[in-house]
Amino acid sequence: MLTEINVMDKKTGFNLRSFTSFALVISTLIMSWSGFILYVAPPGRIANWGTWKLMLFTKSEWQALHTIFSYLFFILVIIHLFFVNWKTFLTYFKSKLKAGLNKKWELGTALLVSTIFFIGTLRHWTPFEPVMTFGEKVKEGWEGDFQTPPVLHMETYTVEKLSVMLDSIAPSELLKTLQENNIKVSAVNETLKEIAVNNNTTPSAIYTILATKYKKHTGPAAGEVPQGIGKYTVKSTAESSGKELYSLLQILKDKGIEADGETSLRTIADKLGITPRDVYNMLVEK
């Protein structure tokens, strides 16, 4: 009878080994799927501004899922190795130390493949670079389907900072307008993103309420870099900044860059080893 009870306890009791195995499988699936979603997700300037969602979740929610389940996976691996299977793991480890590594070719090949993937990814070797390039093209492909903000990371603008873009309307007046439209907001130092989260909407919707009532600023505020700057050409940079095209081309020539009006800032940035944002600032601040 006692033996039967012990057997039943083992069958009905909580099995840490089974729990760890199930949890590892689940966390692996969620990490893999969220990683793929983030691979094709639009840039932050689109995802954080509008209503982009994929499978019910926003980009920031997918990022949170990917990060948290990565940590969970790491913790489960530690439990699996050192708590659940520690005897087997320790015995195996000791036996390998005594007998030596019998799978030298397999170990060497695994290290070699991992090294190639590691270095190849950082050095932009083929086929690693085409994989990342394809992902970037998919990300940029969302741009025509969703709204983009007038300037980069505008969701971080406070009501007070936004007043500069809306004909310098007093921040208190903007606050009043939002409240009249049933938007819960109490301070001018709240950002569009914070207001959107508190009202279960998007930064784009909050901005639209204000922009439809007050005159919308046609370009970026002073000192701001336009969104999607990598696609700008030297000519469009001159037009947006009020500079003369020939003067911008002369600046580039002085830097040893031969360009024309249709040369993109990304192309120039790659030649100079800097970012398109840096190229834009270099041209308009001269």
Protein backbone atom coordinates (compact mmCIF):
# COMPACT_ATOMS: atom_id res chain seq x y z
CA MET A 1 0.00 0.00 0.00
CA LEU A 2 2.80 2.41 0.92
CA THR A 3 4.49 1.69 -2.37
CA GLU A 4 1.29 2.48 -4.29
CA ILE A 5 0.92 5.82 -2.47
CA ASN A 6 4.53 6.78 -3.27
CA VAL A 7 3.97 5.94 -6.91
CA MET A 8 0.77 8.05 -7.00
CA ASP A 9 2.57 10.98 -5.36
CA LYS A 10 5.23 10.85 -8.01
CA LYS A 11 2.60 10.78 -10.74
CA THR A 12 0.38 13.52 -9.32
CA GLY A 13 3.06 15.78 -7.80
CA PHE A 14 4.50 18.81 -9.61
CA ASN A 15 7.29 17.67 -11.93
CA LEU A 16 9.95 20.35 -12.29
CA ARG A 17 11.60 18.51 -15.17
CA SER A 18 8.39 18.49 -17.22
CA PHE A 19 7.61 22.11 -16.34
CA THR A 20 11.08 23.22 -17.46
CA SER A 21 10.83 21.31 -20.74
CA PHE A 22 7.39 22.72 -21.57
CA ALA A 23 8.42 26.26 -20.60
CA LEU A 24 11.59 26.03 -22.70
CA VAL A 25 9.59 25.02 -25.76
CA ILE A 26 7.03 27.81 -25.24
CA SER A 27 9.66 30.49 -24.64
CA THR A 28 11.64 29.32 -27.69
CA LEU A 29 8.56 29.60 -29.91
CA ILE A 30 7.67 33.08 -28.60
CA MET A 31 11.29 34.30 -28.92
CA SER A 32 11.54 33.00 -32.47
CA TRP A 33 8.21 34.41 -33.60
CA SER A 34 8.68 37.81 -31.94
CA GLY A 35 12.16 37.98 -33.46
CA PHE A 36 10.68 37.45 -36.92
CA ILE A 37 8.00 40.10 -36.27
CA LEU A 38 10.66 42.62 -35.25
CA TYR A 39 12.66 41.68 -38.36
CA VAL A 40 9.84 42.94 -40.62
CA ALA A 41 8.36 45.61 -38.31
CA PRO A 42 8.43 49.23 -39.58
CA PRO A 43 10.96 51.77 -38.26
CA GLY A 44 10.17 53.43 -34.95
CA ARG A 45 9.17 56.70 -36.63
CA ILE A 46 6.20 54.82 -38.15
CA ALA A 47 5.45 52.23 -35.48
CA ASN A 48 5.55 54.71 -32.59
CA TRP A 49 3.50 57.38 -34.37
CA GLY A 50 0.48 55.64 -35.83
CA THR A 51 -1.64 52.58 -35.40
CA TRP A 52 0.70 49.87 -36.70
CA LYS A 53 -0.02 46.49 -35.17
CA LEU A 54 0.68 42.94 -36.23
CA MET A 55 -1.28 40.08 -34.68
CA LEU A 56 -2.91 42.48 -32.17
CA PHE A 57 0.36 43.82 -30.73
CA THR A 58 2.34 47.03 -31.33
CA LYS A 59 6.07 47.07 -32.04
CA SER A 60 6.93 48.07 -28.47
CA GLU A 61 4.80 45.18 -27.16
CA TRP A 62 6.58 42.73 -29.46
CA GLN A 63 9.92 44.13 -28.26
CA ALA A 64 8.86 43.63 -24.65
CA LEU A 65 7.74 40.04 -25.34
CA HIS A 66 11.01 39.24 -27.10
CA THR A 67 13.14 40.69 -24.30
CA ILE A 68 11.24 39.16 -21.36
CA PHE A 69 11.02 35.69 -22.90
CA SER A 70 14.74 35.83 -23.76
CA TYR A 71 15.45 36.36 -20.06
CA LEU A 72 12.98 33.59 -19.16
CA PHE A 73 14.71 31.25 -21.61
CA PHE A 74 18.09 31.96 -20.01
CA ILE A 75 16.72 31.33 -16.51
CA LEU A 76 15.07 28.08 -17.63
CA VAL A 77 18.33 26.87 -19.18
CA ILE A 78 20.10 27.46 -15.85
CA ILE A 79 17.36 25.56 -14.00
CA HIS A 80 17.45 22.76 -16.59
CA LEU A 81 21.22 22.29 -16.33
CA PHE A 82 21.98 22.94 -12.67
CA PHE A 83 18.79 22.02 -10.79
CA VAL A 84 16.79 19.49 -12.79
CA ASN A 85 19.55 17.58 -14.57
CA TRP A 86 22.49 18.59 -12.44
CA LYS A 87 23.54 15.01 -11.62
CA THR A 88 23.46 13.95 -15.26
CA PHE A 89 25.16 17.17 -16.32
CA LEU A 90 27.87 16.86 -13.67
CA THR A 91 28.50 13.19 -14.47
CA TYR A 92 28.72 13.95 -18.18
CA PHE A 93 31.06 16.89 -17.54
CA LYS A 94 33.37 14.82 -15.33
CA SER A 95 33.43 11.92 -17.78
CA LYS A 96 34.42 14.24 -20.61
CA LEU A 97 37.20 15.75 -18.55
CA LYS A 98 38.58 12.31 -17.80
CA ALA A 99 38.13 10.80 -21.23
CA GLY A 100 38.96 13.95 -23.14
CA LEU A 101 36.88 15.41 -25.89
CA ASN A 102 35.98 12.55 -28.20
CA LYS A 103 34.09 14.76 -30.64
CA LYS A 104 36.90 17.09 -31.61
CA TRP A 105 35.80 17.45 -35.22
CA GLU A 106 32.22 18.21 -34.23
CA LEU A 107 33.31 20.78 -31.64
CA GLY A 108 35.76 22.39 -34.04
CA THR A 109 33.15 22.58 -36.80
CA ALA A 110 30.57 24.11 -34.44
CA LEU A 111 33.07 26.74 -33.32
CA LEU A 112 34.09 27.46 -36.91
CA VAL A 113 30.50 27.86 -38.15
CA SER A 114 29.59 30.08 -35.19
CA THR A 115 32.68 32.23 -35.79
CA ILE A 116 31.85 32.61 -39.50
CA PHE A 117 28.27 33.65 -38.65
CA PHE A 118 29.50 36.08 -35.98
CA ILE A 119 32.18 37.78 -38.08
CA GLY A 120 30.18 37.56 -41.31
CA THR A 121 27.25 39.37 -39.74
CA LEU A 122 29.43 42.18 -38.41
CA ARG A 123 31.45 42.48 -41.65
CA HIS A 124 28.35 42.36 -43.89
CA TRP A 125 29.42 39.25 -45.76
CA THR A 126 27.11 37.44 -48.16
CA PRO A 127 24.65 35.80 -47.42
CA PHE A 128 24.28 37.63 -44.10
CA GLU A 129 24.10 41.15 -45.55
CA PRO A 130 21.33 40.32 -48.10
CA VAL A 131 19.23 38.91 -45.26
CA MET A 132 19.50 42.16 -43.31
CA THR A 133 19.00 44.26 -46.46
CA PHE A 134 15.80 42.38 -47.23
CA GLY A 135 14.55 43.08 -43.71
CA GLU A 136 15.28 46.79 -44.11
CA LYS A 137 13.37 46.88 -47.41
CA VAL A 138 10.36 45.24 -45.78
CA LYS A 139 10.54 47.74 -42.90
CA GLU A 140 10.63 50.71 -45.28
CA GLY A 141 7.79 49.20 -47.29
CA TRP A 142 5.36 50.04 -44.48
CA GLU A 143 5.97 53.77 -45.01
CA GLY A 144 3.37 54.21 -47.75
CA ASP A 145 0.64 52.48 -45.73
CA PHE A 146 0.95 54.30 -42.42
CA GLN A 147 1.32 57.89 -41.30
CA THR A 148 4.73 59.29 -40.49
CA PRO A 149 5.36 62.27 -38.21
CA PRO A 150 6.52 65.65 -39.57
CA VAL A 151 9.82 65.17 -37.70
CA LEU A 152 11.64 62.21 -36.25
CA HIS A 153 10.51 60.90 -32.85
CA MET A 154 7.77 63.48 -32.60
CA GLU A 155 5.95 61.20 -30.19
CA THR A 156 8.46 62.41 -27.58
CA TYR A 157 7.40 66.05 -28.03
CA THR A 158 5.69 67.69 -25.07
CA VAL A 159 2.68 69.95 -25.51
CA GLU A 160 4.97 72.85 -24.68
CA LYS A 161 7.48 71.93 -27.40
CA LEU A 162 4.69 71.26 -29.90
CA SER A 163 3.46 74.84 -29.62
CA VAL A 164 6.49 75.98 -31.65
CA MET A 165 5.25 73.94 -34.61
CA LEU A 166 1.71 75.28 -34.33
CA ASP A 167 2.28 79.00 -34.88
CA SER A 168 3.53 79.38 -31.30
CA ILE A 169 0.06 78.88 -29.81
CA ALA A 170 0.32 79.05 -26.03
CA PRO A 171 0.82 75.58 -24.49
CA SER A 172 -2.09 76.27 -22.12
CA GLU A 173 -4.33 76.85 -25.14
CA LEU A 174 -3.25 73.54 -26.69
CA LEU A 175 -3.95 71.84 -23.39
CA LYS A 176 -7.43 73.35 -23.31
CA THR A 177 -8.12 72.20 -26.88
CA LEU A 178 -7.21 68.62 -26.03
CA GLN A 179 -9.38 68.66 -22.94
CA GLU A 180 -12.32 70.01 -24.98
CA ASN A 181 -11.91 66.97 -27.22
CA ASN A 182 -12.23 64.62 -24.23
CA ILE A 183 -8.48 63.95 -24.04
CA LYS A 184 -7.21 63.41 -20.52
CA VAL A 185 -4.15 65.62 -20.08
CA SER A 186 -3.11 67.73 -17.11
CA ALA A 187 0.32 69.22 -17.80
CA VAL A 188 2.12 70.86 -20.72
CA ASN A 189 5.21 68.74 -20.08
CA GLU A 190 3.39 65.51 -20.99
CA THR A 191 4.58 63.97 -24.25
CA LEU A 192 2.32 62.96 -27.12
CA LYS A 193 3.16 59.33 -26.40
CA GLU A 194 2.23 59.63 -22.72
CA ILE A 195 -1.04 61.37 -23.58
CA ALA A 196 -1.83 58.72 -26.19
CA VAL A 197 -1.20 55.85 -23.76
CA ASN A 198 -3.38 57.47 -21.08
CA ASN A 199 -6.21 57.89 -23.59
CA ASN A 200 -5.86 54.55 -25.39
CA THR A 201 -5.06 56.19 -28.72
CA THR A 202 -2.00 57.12 -30.81
CA PRO A 203 0.38 60.11 -30.85
CA SER A 204 -0.78 60.71 -34.42
CA ALA A 205 -4.40 61.09 -33.30
CA ILE A 206 -3.44 63.56 -30.56
CA TYR A 207 -1.40 65.64 -33.00
CA THR A 208 -4.23 65.60 -35.58
CA ILE A 209 -6.64 67.13 -33.06
CA LEU A 210 -4.32 70.09 -32.64
CA ALA A 211 -3.18 70.36 -36.25
CA THR A 212 -6.73 70.53 -37.60
CA LYS A 213 -7.53 73.53 -35.42
CA TYR A 214 -4.27 75.42 -35.65
CA LYS A 215 -2.06 76.13 -38.62
CA LYS A 216 0.20 73.18 -39.24
CA HIS A 217 3.93 73.85 -39.54
CA THR A 218 5.03 72.75 -43.03
CA GLY A 219 8.48 71.56 -42.13
CA PRO A 220 10.67 70.56 -39.21
CA ALA A 221 11.27 73.04 -36.43
CA ALA A 222 14.58 74.84 -36.28
CA GLY A 223 17.38 72.42 -35.55
CA GLU A 224 15.20 69.37 -36.31
CA VAL A 225 16.09 66.69 -38.85
CA PRO A 226 13.25 65.60 -41.18
CA GLN A 227 12.00 62.01 -40.92
CA GLY A 228 13.23 59.50 -43.51
CA ILE A 229 16.37 61.57 -43.98
CA GLY A 230 18.29 58.73 -45.64
CA LYS A 231 16.07 59.03 -48.71
CA TYR A 232 16.69 62.76 -49.09
CA THR A 233 18.74 63.89 -52.07
CA VAL A 234 21.07 66.88 -52.09
CA LYS A 235 18.40 68.77 -54.04
CA SER A 236 15.57 68.00 -51.57
CA THR A 237 17.91 68.91 -48.70
CA ALA A 238 18.51 72.30 -50.31
CA GLU A 239 14.77 72.83 -50.78
CA SER A 240 13.83 71.86 -47.22
CA SER A 241 16.59 73.95 -45.62
CA GLY A 242 16.37 77.01 -47.86
CA LYS A 243 19.98 76.58 -49.00
CA GLU A 244 21.31 76.95 -52.52
CA LEU A 245 21.99 73.65 -54.28
CA TYR A 246 25.35 74.75 -55.62
CA SER A 247 26.55 75.69 -52.12
CA LEU A 248 25.70 72.22 -50.79
CA LEU A 249 27.49 70.57 -53.71
CA GLN A 250 30.53 72.75 -52.99
CA ILE A 251 30.54 71.63 -49.35
CA LEU A 252 30.55 68.02 -50.51
CA LYS A 253 33.27 68.71 -53.07
CA ASP A 254 35.43 70.19 -50.32
CA LYS A 255 34.95 66.90 -48.48
CA GLY A 256 36.13 64.98 -51.54
CA ILE A 257 32.65 63.82 -52.54
CA GLU A 258 31.54 64.16 -56.15
CA ALA A 259 27.74 64.45 -56.15
CA ASP A 260 24.82 65.97 -58.00
CA GLY A 261 21.33 67.04 -57.01
CA GLU A 262 19.96 63.49 -57.20
CA THR A 263 22.62 61.89 -54.99
CA SER A 264 21.02 60.57 -51.80
CA LEU A 265 22.27 61.46 -48.33
CA ARG A 266 22.58 57.75 -47.55
CA THR A 267 25.02 57.30 -50.45
CA ILE A 268 27.08 60.25 -49.22
CA ALA A 269 26.94 58.94 -45.65
CA ASP A 270 28.30 55.55 -46.72
CA LYS A 271 31.23 57.23 -48.48
CA LEU A 272 32.06 59.39 -45.46
CA GLY A 273 31.45 56.65 -42.89
CA ILE A 274 28.83 58.67 -41.00
CA THR A 275 25.03 58.67 -40.73
CA PRO A 276 22.58 60.42 -43.10
CA ARG A 277 21.55 62.60 -40.14
CA ASP A 278 25.17 63.75 -39.78
CA VAL A 279 25.34 64.54 -43.50
CA TYR A 280 22.15 66.60 -43.29
CA ASN A 281 23.44 68.55 -40.30
CA MET A 282 26.77 69.09 -42.01
CA LEU A 283 25.06 70.60 -45.07
CA VAL A 284 22.42 72.79 -43.44
CA GLU A 285 24.58 74.11 -40.60
CA LYS A 286 27.28 75.48 -42.90
